[in-house]
Protein backbone atom coordinates (compact mmCIF):
# COMPACT_ATOMS: atom_id res chain seq x y z
CA UNK A 1 85.70 47.46 -8.16
CA UNK A 2 83.90 49.19 -10.85
CA UNK A 3 84.59 53.24 -11.47
CA UNK A 4 82.24 55.81 -12.47
CA UNK A 5 82.44 57.71 -14.65
CA UNK A 6 82.50 61.78 -13.72
CA UNK A 7 81.75 64.08 -16.91
CA UNK A 8 79.83 66.93 -14.93
CA UNK A 9 81.47 68.90 -11.62
CA UNK A 10 81.82 67.07 -9.27
CA UNK A 11 81.42 68.54 -5.21
CA UNK A 12 83.75 67.28 -2.78
CA UNK A 13 82.56 65.99 0.00
CA UNK A 14 82.96 67.57 3.60
CA UNK A 15 84.29 65.45 6.68
CA UNK A 16 82.22 66.54 9.56
CA UNK A 17 84.72 64.38 12.17
CA UNK A 18 87.97 62.94 12.25
CA UNK A 19 88.36 59.69 9.97
CA UNK A 20 88.62 56.69 10.53
CA UNK A 21 89.40 54.78 7.33
CA UNK A 22 91.20 51.62 5.90
CA UNK A 23 91.98 52.19 2.36
CA UNK A 24 92.96 49.31 -0.08
CA UNK A 25 94.60 50.95 -3.36
CA UNK A 26 94.95 49.40 -6.96
CA UNK A 27 98.46 48.68 -8.20
CA UNK A 28 101.24 51.08 -9.10
CA UNK A 29 100.83 52.92 -12.55
CA UNK A 30 104.53 53.23 -12.45
CA UNK A 31 105.46 49.12 -12.01
CA UNK A 32 102.80 48.01 -13.90
CA UNK A 33 103.77 50.12 -17.03
CA UNK A 34 107.52 49.12 -16.32
CA UNK A 35 106.78 45.21 -16.35
CA UNK A 36 104.37 45.38 -19.48
CA UNK A 37 107.97 46.86 -21.28
CA UNK A 38 110.35 44.21 -19.60
CA UNK A 39 107.80 41.27 -20.39
CA UNK A 40 107.17 42.46 -23.52
CA UNK A 41 111.32 42.26 -24.34
CA UNK A 42 111.61 38.91 -22.39
CA UNK A 43 112.12 35.65 -23.77
CA UNK A 44 109.45 34.08 -22.36
CA UNK A 45 105.86 34.49 -21.57
CA UNK A 46 105.33 36.59 -17.93
CA UNK A 47 102.14 36.82 -15.57
CA UNK A 48 101.65 40.59 -14.46
CA UNK A 49 99.74 40.02 -11.35
CA UNK A 50 97.64 42.64 -9.24
CA UNK A 51 98.09 45.20 -12.16
CA UNK A 52 96.99 48.61 -12.38
CA UNK A 53 93.82 49.00 -14.77
CA UNK A 54 93.51 52.56 -15.57
CA UNK A 55 93.70 54.61 -18.62
CA UNK A 56 97.33 55.18 -18.45
CA UNK A 57 98.03 51.49 -18.46
CA UNK A 58 95.50 50.80 -20.97
CA UNK A 59 97.16 52.60 -23.07
CA UNK A 60 100.42 51.00 -22.45
CA UNK A 61 98.79 47.23 -23.24
CA UNK A 62 97.28 48.88 -26.57
CA UNK A 63 100.34 49.85 -27.42
CA UNK A 64 101.92 47.05 -27.05
CA UNK A 65 99.28 44.51 -28.87
CA UNK A 66 99.56 47.17 -32.00
CA UNK A 67 103.21 46.74 -32.35
CA UNK A 68 102.54 42.35 -32.06
CA UNK A 69 102.68 41.67 -28.25
CA UNK A 70 100.37 39.34 -26.94
CA UNK A 71 98.78 40.18 -23.96
CA UNK A 72 95.72 38.25 -22.41
CA UNK A 73 93.60 39.10 -19.29
CA UNK A 74 94.10 36.05 -17.01
CA UNK A 75 92.53 34.70 -13.83
CA UNK A 76 94.81 34.01 -10.94
CA UNK A 77 96.09 30.83 -10.48
CA UNK A 78 95.13 28.89 -7.46
CA UNK A 79 96.52 30.18 -4.35
CA UNK A 80 97.70 33.94 -5.70
CA UNK A 81 95.58 36.60 -4.65
CA UNK A 82 93.01 38.12 -6.13
CA UNK A 83 93.07 41.53 -7.64
CA UNK A 84 89.31 42.94 -6.69
CA UNK A 85 90.06 46.39 -9.40
CA UNK A 86 90.98 43.56 -12.50
CA UNK A 87 92.65 40.47 -13.97
CA UNK A 88 95.51 39.56 -14.51
CA UNK A 89 97.97 39.69 -17.10
CA UNK A 90 99.85 36.84 -19.06
CA UNK A 91 101.98 38.62 -21.68
CA UNK A 92 103.39 36.76 -24.79
CA UNK A 93 106.74 38.55 -26.26
CA UNK A 94 106.95 38.19 -30.08
CA UNK A 95 108.48 39.35 -33.15
CA UNK A 96 108.03 43.70 -32.82
CA UNK A 97 106.57 45.23 -36.24
CA UNK A 98 105.83 48.68 -37.29
CA UNK A 99 102.79 49.96 -38.93
CA UNK A 100 100.74 51.35 -35.98
CA UNK A 101 100.22 54.55 -34.47
CA UNK A 102 100.76 54.63 -31.08
CA UNK A 103 98.36 56.86 -28.60
CA UNK A 104 100.00 58.34 -25.60
CA UNK A 105 96.89 59.94 -23.81
CA UNK A 106 98.86 62.14 -21.01
CA UNK A 107 100.67 59.40 -19.98
CA UNK A 108 104.70 60.05 -19.54
CA UNK A 109 105.39 56.31 -19.03
CA UNK A 110 104.47 55.75 -22.62
CA UNK A 111 105.59 58.70 -24.47
CA UNK A 112 109.06 58.08 -23.12
CA UNK A 113 109.02 54.41 -22.33
CA UNK A 114 107.54 53.10 -25.83
CA UNK A 115 109.73 55.03 -28.22
CA UNK A 116 112.68 52.96 -27.51
CA UNK A 117 110.97 49.84 -27.62
CA UNK A 118 109.17 50.48 -30.80
CA UNK A 119 112.74 51.55 -32.53
CA UNK A 120 113.28 47.70 -32.19
CA UNK A 121 109.97 46.91 -34.61
CA UNK A 122 110.18 46.67 -38.10
CA UNK A 123 108.39 49.44 -39.87
CA UNK A 124 106.87 52.91 -39.57
CA UNK A 125 105.57 54.02 -35.99
CA UNK A 126 104.23 57.11 -35.23
CA UNK A 127 104.21 58.38 -31.71
CA UNK A 128 101.10 60.86 -30.70
CA UNK A 129 98.52 61.92 -27.45
CA UNK A 130 96.60 64.31 -26.54
CA UNK A 131 96.54 67.93 -27.21
CA UNK A 132 98.13 68.85 -24.30
CA UNK A 133 100.47 65.73 -24.49
CA UNK A 134 101.89 67.73 -27.48
CA UNK A 135 103.48 70.26 -25.31
CA UNK A 136 105.04 67.92 -22.86
CA UNK A 137 108.56 67.66 -23.38
CA UNK A 138 109.96 65.01 -25.54
CA UNK A 139 112.88 66.53 -27.30
CA UNK A 140 115.27 64.40 -25.21
CA UNK A 141 113.84 61.07 -26.45
CA UNK A 142 113.50 61.98 -29.74
CA UNK A 143 117.60 62.96 -29.66
CA UNK A 144 118.49 59.98 -28.21
CA UNK A 145 116.81 57.89 -31.24
CA UNK A 146 118.43 60.07 -33.46
CA UNK A 147 121.79 59.69 -32.15
CA UNK A 148 121.29 55.64 -31.74
CA UNK A 149 120.69 55.74 -35.26
CA UNK A 150 117.07 55.72 -35.57
CA UNK A 151 115.69 58.02 -38.92
CA UNK A 152 113.22 60.10 -36.87
CA UNK A 153 110.73 62.71 -38.50
CA UNK A 154 109.52 65.72 -36.37
CA UNK A 155 109.31 68.54 -38.22
CA UNK A 156 112.13 69.89 -36.01
CA UNK A 157 109.41 70.02 -33.17
CA UNK A 158 110.53 68.11 -30.99
CA UNK A 159 107.50 66.93 -29.69
CA UNK A 160 104.30 64.61 -30.49
CA UNK A 161 103.59 63.76 -33.16
CA UNK A 162 106.94 62.00 -34.75
CA UNK A 163 107.56 58.88 -36.77
CA UNK A 164 110.66 56.47 -37.37
CA UNK A 165 110.79 53.83 -39.66
CA UNK A 166 112.58 50.56 -37.57
CA UNK A 167 115.10 48.15 -38.97
CA UNK A 168 114.16 45.73 -36.27
CA UNK A 169 117.07 46.29 -34.41
CA UNK A 170 118.79 49.40 -32.38
CA UNK A 171 122.84 49.77 -32.26
CA UNK A 172 122.97 51.36 -28.81
CA UNK A 173 126.66 51.84 -27.35
CA UNK A 174 127.29 55.37 -25.62
CA UNK A 175 125.20 58.38 -25.16
CA UNK A 176 124.61 61.67 -23.66
CA UNK A 177 121.16 62.45 -22.68
CA UNK A 178 120.05 66.10 -20.85
CA UNK A 179 116.74 64.45 -18.64
CA UNK A 180 116.17 67.52 -16.44
CA UNK A 181 112.87 67.80 -17.73
CA UNK A 182 112.17 64.19 -16.50
CA UNK A 183 113.60 61.34 -15.02
CA UNK A 184 111.73 58.96 -17.53
CA UNK A 185 113.98 59.53 -20.50
CA UNK A 186 116.27 57.49 -18.46
CA UNK A 187 113.86 54.98 -17.43
CA UNK A 188 112.64 54.52 -20.98
CA UNK A 189 115.81 54.23 -22.29
CA UNK A 190 117.15 51.76 -19.71
CA UNK A 191 114.23 49.67 -20.26
CA UNK A 192 114.90 48.46 -23.74
CA UNK A 193 118.52 49.06 -23.54
CA UNK A 194 119.37 44.89 -23.25
CA UNK A 195 117.59 44.56 -26.63
CA UNK A 196 119.66 46.83 -28.21
CA UNK A 197 123.11 45.32 -29.58
CA UNK A 198 125.96 47.02 -27.80
CA UNK A 199 123.83 47.64 -25.15
CA UNK A 200 123.81 51.06 -23.47
CA UNK A 201 126.38 53.07 -21.65
CA UNK A 202 124.02 56.49 -21.35
CA UNK A 203 125.30 59.73 -19.09
CA UNK A 204 122.96 62.38 -17.98
CA UNK A 205 124.82 65.61 -18.66
CA UNK A 206 121.68 67.97 -17.24
CA UNK A 207 122.00 70.43 -14.30
CA UNK A 208 119.67 68.25 -12.36
CA UNK A 209 118.09 65.04 -12.58
CA UNK A 210 114.55 64.79 -10.60
CA UNK A 211 112.80 61.89 -9.29
CA UNK A 212 115.89 59.56 -8.71
CA UNK A 213 113.50 57.12 -7.04
CA UNK A 214 112.09 56.14 -10.62
CA UNK A 215 115.30 55.10 -12.01
CA UNK A 216 116.40 53.33 -8.85
CA UNK A 217 112.92 51.31 -9.47
CA UNK A 218 113.79 51.18 -13.41
CA UNK A 219 117.18 49.41 -12.23
CA UNK A 220 115.58 47.38 -9.80
CA UNK A 221 113.16 45.92 -12.25
CA UNK A 222 115.83 45.46 -14.54
CA UNK A 223 118.08 43.66 -12.20
CA UNK A 224 115.03 41.54 -11.33
CA UNK A 225 115.05 40.10 -14.53
CA UNK A 226 118.73 39.42 -14.94
CA UNK A 227 120.10 42.19 -16.81
CA UNK A 228 123.29 43.79 -15.67
CA UNK A 229 123.03 47.25 -14.70
CA UNK A 230 126.28 49.11 -13.49
CA UNK A 231 126.29 52.38 -11.97
CA UNK A 232 129.89 54.18 -12.45
CA UNK A 233 128.98 57.48 -10.80
CA UNK A 234 125.89 59.40 -10.21
CA UNK A 235 124.03 60.14 -13.52
CA UNK A 236 125.80 57.47 -15.38
CA UNK A 237 124.36 53.80 -16.60
CA UNK A 238 125.44 50.65 -17.98
CA UNK A 239 123.15 48.46 -19.28
CA UNK A 240 124.90 45.00 -20.85
CA UNK A 241 123.07 43.73 -23.82
CA UNK A 242 121.53 40.25 -23.52
CA UNK A 243 118.23 38.65 -22.92
CA UNK A 244 115.52 39.61 -20.35
CA UNK A 245 114.05 36.62 -18.35
CA UNK A 246 111.06 36.28 -17.97
CA UNK A 247 109.35 36.30 -14.87
CA UNK A 248 105.70 36.44 -12.74
CA UNK A 249 105.70 39.32 -10.85
CA UNK A 250 103.18 40.56 -8.34
CA UNK A 251 102.44 44.52 -8.57
CA UNK A 252 102.62 47.01 -5.50
CA UNK A 253 100.21 48.94 -4.40
CA UNK A 254 99.93 52.65 -6.35
CA UNK A 255 102.03 54.79 -2.98
CA UNK A 256 102.03 57.85 -4.71
CA UNK A 257 98.10 57.38 -5.10
CA UNK A 258 98.20 56.67 -1.53
CA UNK A 259 99.33 60.60 -1.08
CA UNK A 260 95.96 62.20 -0.83
CA UNK A 261 93.89 59.58 1.26
CA UNK A 262 97.45 59.55 3.70
CA UNK A 263 96.84 63.38 3.81
CA UNK A 264 93.31 63.39 4.86
CA UNK A 265 94.13 62.02 8.18
CA UNK A 266 96.16 65.44 8.64
CA UNK A 267 93.37 67.59 7.19
CA UNK A 268 90.13 66.33 8.70
CA UNK A 269 92.18 64.65 11.31
CA UNK A 270 91.72 60.96 12.96
CA UNK A 271 93.86 57.97 11.64
CA UNK A 272 93.46 56.70 7.75
CA UNK A 273 95.13 53.40 7.44
CA UNK A 274 96.67 52.52 3.72
CA UNK A 275 96.64 48.40 3.38
CA UNK A 276 99.61 46.17 1.86
CA UNK A 277 102.20 48.60 2.44
CA UNK A 278 105.27 47.02 1.01
CA UNK A 279 108.29 46.55 3.57
CA UNK A 280 110.26 47.53 1.11
CA UNK A 281 109.97 49.41 -2.20
CA UNK A 282 111.31 52.06 -4.67
CA UNK A 283 108.74 53.83 -5.10
CA UNK A 284 108.89 57.26 -4.17
CA UNK A 285 105.40 57.50 -2.63
CA UNK A 286 107.28 55.82 0.26
CA UNK A 287 108.25 58.80 1.64
CA UNK A 288 105.08 59.69 3.03
CA UNK A 289 106.38 57.82 6.16
CA UNK A 290 109.13 60.59 6.85
CA UNK A 291 107.26 63.67 5.06
CA UNK A 292 104.08 63.70 6.93
CA UNK A 293 105.30 63.77 10.63
CA UNK A 294 107.23 67.39 9.41
CA UNK A 295 102.88 68.51 9.50
CA UNK A 296 102.84 66.23 13.01
CA UNK A 297 101.35 63.50 11.41
CA UNK A 298 101.97 60.05 13.44
CA UNK A 299 102.82 57.36 11.03
CA UNK A 300 103.01 53.74 12.45
CA UNK A 301 103.87 50.25 10.37
CA UNK A 302 101.80 47.83 11.31
CA UNK A 303 99.10 50.04 12.93
CA UNK A 304 101.06 49.24 16.31
CA UNK A 305 99.31 51.87 18.22
CA UNK A 306 96.54 52.37 16.55
CA UNK A 307 93.79 49.95 16.24
CA UNK A 308 94.52 48.49 12.73
CA UNK A 309 96.08 45.16 12.08
CA UNK A 310 99.25 45.64 9.13
CA UNK A 311 99.69 48.13 6.84
CA UNK A 312 100.85 52.22 7.58
CA UNK A 313 99.10 53.72 9.62
CA UNK A 314 98.63 57.79 9.40
CA UNK A 315 96.98 59.92 12.48
CA UNK A 316 96.54 63.60 12.06
CA UNK A 317 98.45 65.63 15.12
CA UNK A 318 97.15 68.37 16.99
CA UNK A 319 98.13 71.17 14.92
CA UNK A 320 99.56 71.90 11.17
CA UNK A 321 102.70 73.62 11.19
CA UNK A 322 104.08 75.38 7.92
CA UNK A 323 106.77 73.60 6.31
CA UNK A 324 110.19 73.91 4.22
CA UNK A 325 110.51 71.07 1.93
CA UNK A 326 112.30 70.37 -1.15
CA UNK A 327 110.57 67.71 -2.82
CA UNK A 328 113.20 66.81 -5.83
CA UNK A 329 113.01 63.03 -5.27
CA UNK A 330 109.01 63.05 -5.26
CA UNK A 331 107.50 65.88 -7.26
CA UNK A 332 104.53 63.75 -7.90
CA UNK A 333 103.75 63.95 -4.31
CA UNK A 334 103.64 68.18 -4.64
CA UNK A 335 99.91 68.73 -6.00
CA UNK A 336 98.57 66.56 -2.37
CA UNK A 337 101.34 68.08 -0.03
CA UNK A 338 100.66 71.40 -1.51
CA UNK A 339 96.91 71.24 -0.76
CA UNK A 340 97.76 70.19 2.85
CA UNK A 341 99.84 73.19 2.75
CA UNK A 342 97.55 75.57 1.82
CA UNK A 343 95.53 74.15 5.09
CA UNK A 344 98.12 74.77 7.55
CA UNK A 345 98.55 76.94 10.44
CA UNK A 346 102.18 78.58 9.17
CA UNK A 347 104.18 79.21 5.84
CA UNK A 348 105.31 76.82 3.89
CA UNK A 349 107.95 76.74 0.85
CA UNK A 350 107.97 73.31 -1.51
CA UNK A 351 111.24 73.49 -4.18
CA UNK A 352 112.51 71.21 -6.26
CA UNK A 353 109.24 70.77 -8.12
CA UNK A 354 109.97 73.31 -11.34
CA UNK A 355 110.23 70.28 -13.34
CA UNK A 356 106.61 69.91 -12.87
CA UNK A 357 105.46 72.44 -15.10
CA UNK A 358 106.20 69.76 -17.99
CA UNK A 359 103.95 67.60 -16.32
CA UNK A 360 100.08 66.60 -17.22
CA UNK A 361 99.78 70.25 -17.01
CA UNK A 362 102.09 73.15 -15.59
CA UNK A 363 101.29 71.98 -11.92
CA UNK A 364 102.99 74.87 -10.02
CA UNK A 365 100.89 77.36 -11.83
CA UNK A 366 97.77 75.31 -11.34
CA UNK A 367 98.31 74.89 -8.06
CA UNK A 368 98.65 78.41 -7.14
CA UNK A 369 95.70 79.16 -9.59
CA UNK A 370 93.42 77.05 -7.48
CA UNK A 371 94.18 77.80 -4.28
CA UNK A 372 94.21 81.33 -4.72
CA UNK A 373 90.96 81.13 -6.20
CA UNK A 374 89.69 79.86 -2.89
CA UNK A 375 91.33 82.71 -0.80
CA UNK A 376 94.84 81.29 -0.59
CA UNK A 377 98.10 83.13 -0.85
CA UNK A 378 100.10 81.40 -3.34
CA UNK A 379 102.83 82.35 -5.01
CA UNK A 380 105.05 80.95 -7.76
CA UNK A 381 108.86 80.41 -7.54
CA UNK A 382 111.08 79.01 -10.50
CA UNK A 383 111.39 75.70 -8.75
CA UNK A 384 108.47 75.86 -6.35
CA UNK A 385 105.52 77.29 -4.62
CA UNK A 386 105.43 79.67 -1.27
CA UNK A 387 102.00 78.89 0.35
CA UNK A 388 100.87 81.27 2.81
CA UNK A 389 98.14 80.42 5.29
CA UNK A 390 94.88 82.02 4.30
CA UNK A 391 91.19 81.18 5.08
CA UNK A 392 89.85 79.11 2.19
CA UNK A 393 86.43 79.16 0.83
CA UNK A 394 84.26 77.02 -1.53
CA UNK A 395 84.86 77.73 -5.54
CA UNK A 396 85.52 75.93 -8.51
CA UNK A 397 88.79 74.03 -8.90
CA UNK A 398 90.15 72.97 -12.23
CA UNK A 399 91.36 69.48 -12.63
CA UNK A 400 93.23 70.80 -16.10
CA UNK A 401 92.49 67.24 -16.84
CA UNK A 402 95.18 66.20 -14.47
CA UNK A 403 94.89 63.28 -12.00
CA UNK A 404 96.69 64.98 -9.24
CA UNK A 405 95.48 68.36 -9.40
CA UNK A 406 91.57 66.61 -9.62
CA UNK A 407 93.00 64.69 -5.96
CA UNK A 408 94.20 67.88 -4.64
CA UNK A 409 91.58 69.68 -4.89
CA UNK A 410 89.10 66.72 -3.02
CA UNK A 411 91.96 67.00 -0.08
CA UNK A 412 90.70 70.56 -0.07
CA UNK A 413 87.34 69.94 0.00
CA UNK A 414 87.77 67.89 2.79
CA UNK A 415 87.39 70.86 5.20
CA UNK A 416 85.99 73.78 2.32
CA UNK A 417 82.60 73.33 2.17
CA UNK A 418 81.23 73.80 -1.73
CA UNK A 419 84.91 73.16 -3.81
CA UNK A 420 83.60 71.33 -7.15
CA UNK A 421 86.38 70.20 -9.42
CA UNK A 422 85.37 70.21 -12.57
CA UNK A 423 86.98 67.19 -14.13
CA UNK A 424 87.14 64.22 -11.10
CA UNK A 425 86.83 61.92 -14.04
CA UNK A 426 90.54 62.99 -14.95
CA UNK A 427 91.78 60.09 -11.77
CA UNK A 428 90.71 57.58 -14.52
CA UNK A 429 94.45 57.97 -15.37
CA UNK A 430 96.03 56.42 -12.63
CA UNK A 431 93.23 55.69 -10.34
CA UNK A 432 89.55 55.22 -11.76
CA UNK A 433 87.80 54.13 -8.90
CA UNK A 434 88.94 57.38 -6.92
CA UNK A 435 85.49 58.97 -6.21
CA UNK A 436 84.20 56.45 -5.07
CA UNK A 437 87.12 55.66 -2.72
CA UNK A 438 87.60 58.76 -1.39
CA UNK A 439 83.50 59.20 -0.81
CA UNK A 440 83.99 55.76 1.23
CA UNK A 441 86.91 57.42 3.07
CA UNK A 442 84.67 60.40 4.11
CA UNK A 443 82.15 58.19 5.12
CA UNK A 444 84.07 57.27 8.38
CA UNK A 445 84.36 60.64 9.92
CA UNK A 446 82.99 60.26 13.12
CA UNK A 447 82.63 57.01 13.42
CA UNK A 448 83.64 55.04 16.51
CA UNK A 449 85.42 51.98 14.60
CA UNK A 450 87.26 51.71 11.44
CA UNK A 451 85.35 51.30 8.17
CA UNK A 452 87.09 49.49 4.81
CA UNK A 453 87.42 51.86 2.37
CA UNK A 454 87.74 49.55 -1.39
CA UNK A 455 86.79 45.81 -1.55
CA UNK A 456 89.71 44.42 0.50
CA UNK A 457 92.50 42.19 0.30
CA UNK A 458 96.06 42.96 -1.55
CA UNK A 459 95.35 45.54 -3.58
């Protein structure tokens, strides 16, 4: 399914009635980029089926190719599922070499996952990204590389751009890290650790560790490739050195990208089904099954009491109460859920999301500014947001080049006429087809049956 570039302000469509949507989403960004890293370090070729094709995944594949890894687009084998969003990927490992300047864009999974892998290459590698990316927390991964014996030049900034000269190996061993700003620091080190000479005994020494499900995802994909990972205590991991098995994998649909579509059923009413929702998953987006009922939703596996067959169905409730919510586990769901809270009947408090100040933008400040700009009443806390009910009116919604801010504006615009998102194209970071999928969902409003959004099949 081709995506359309939207460089001009985009007016969010208003739903004229209850929804009856059926949405098929592309693959998980978090899983796609983890599997690309492991496939690049594996002991043979791997095929990644149903991968995400977006800016973040393209940045990862480009970076790996720069380091010598072979990545080819291939058609699915007979009997394999067909990805309507793009071809499968065949990844062929090779001796890694430097002489590369890696563009991370705004992709946290590239800027935190690539440096430990690139340190295994021979020769110089420079890590850089978009202008705002140079403000994102990187000191922890830079310090980790230094502590592992890698010679890093960053002018003392603890941020991009920085350069190091790899020797073809990394010593490994025991390492302490403060990953309070992002669990990606832990995941980035764990993914490459089997290839370190001594493996890695990693200990988190910070006060808090957000987004633990993402670390669980990393451990899961490592173990699936035969890597031994021990967890002696909470915040401590031991990755044993050894081969990473070549493996053909199928990527699950992105459940974090499902958040605005699922939330839409509560905002506009009606039902929305997300297709091919995995039965078991480490994706934090699966928490939507327990979070949305706090706002009065009915969430049903396989649509048992809906008109759907398969996936997860979300039905809006009769009212939209305020909630108190700790999102330490899944901060990436916060923009969609804060947009939902801004439309609720009562006050809400969302906590555990202070680390979102270091994401693509300061999401706490951005959400408060955007909602308040439409007449809302959002107050920033040190670790979260307080949202009071207030009538909203149309106006400008800034995306801040942040895909989740853009989709949050679309959620508010479902029932607020005239919400204009300045950069809906920022959704290309993880979901290039968002404008088309969203328009298709809104088009189901007031219909008597279920209308499919997307091209169907596993996605």
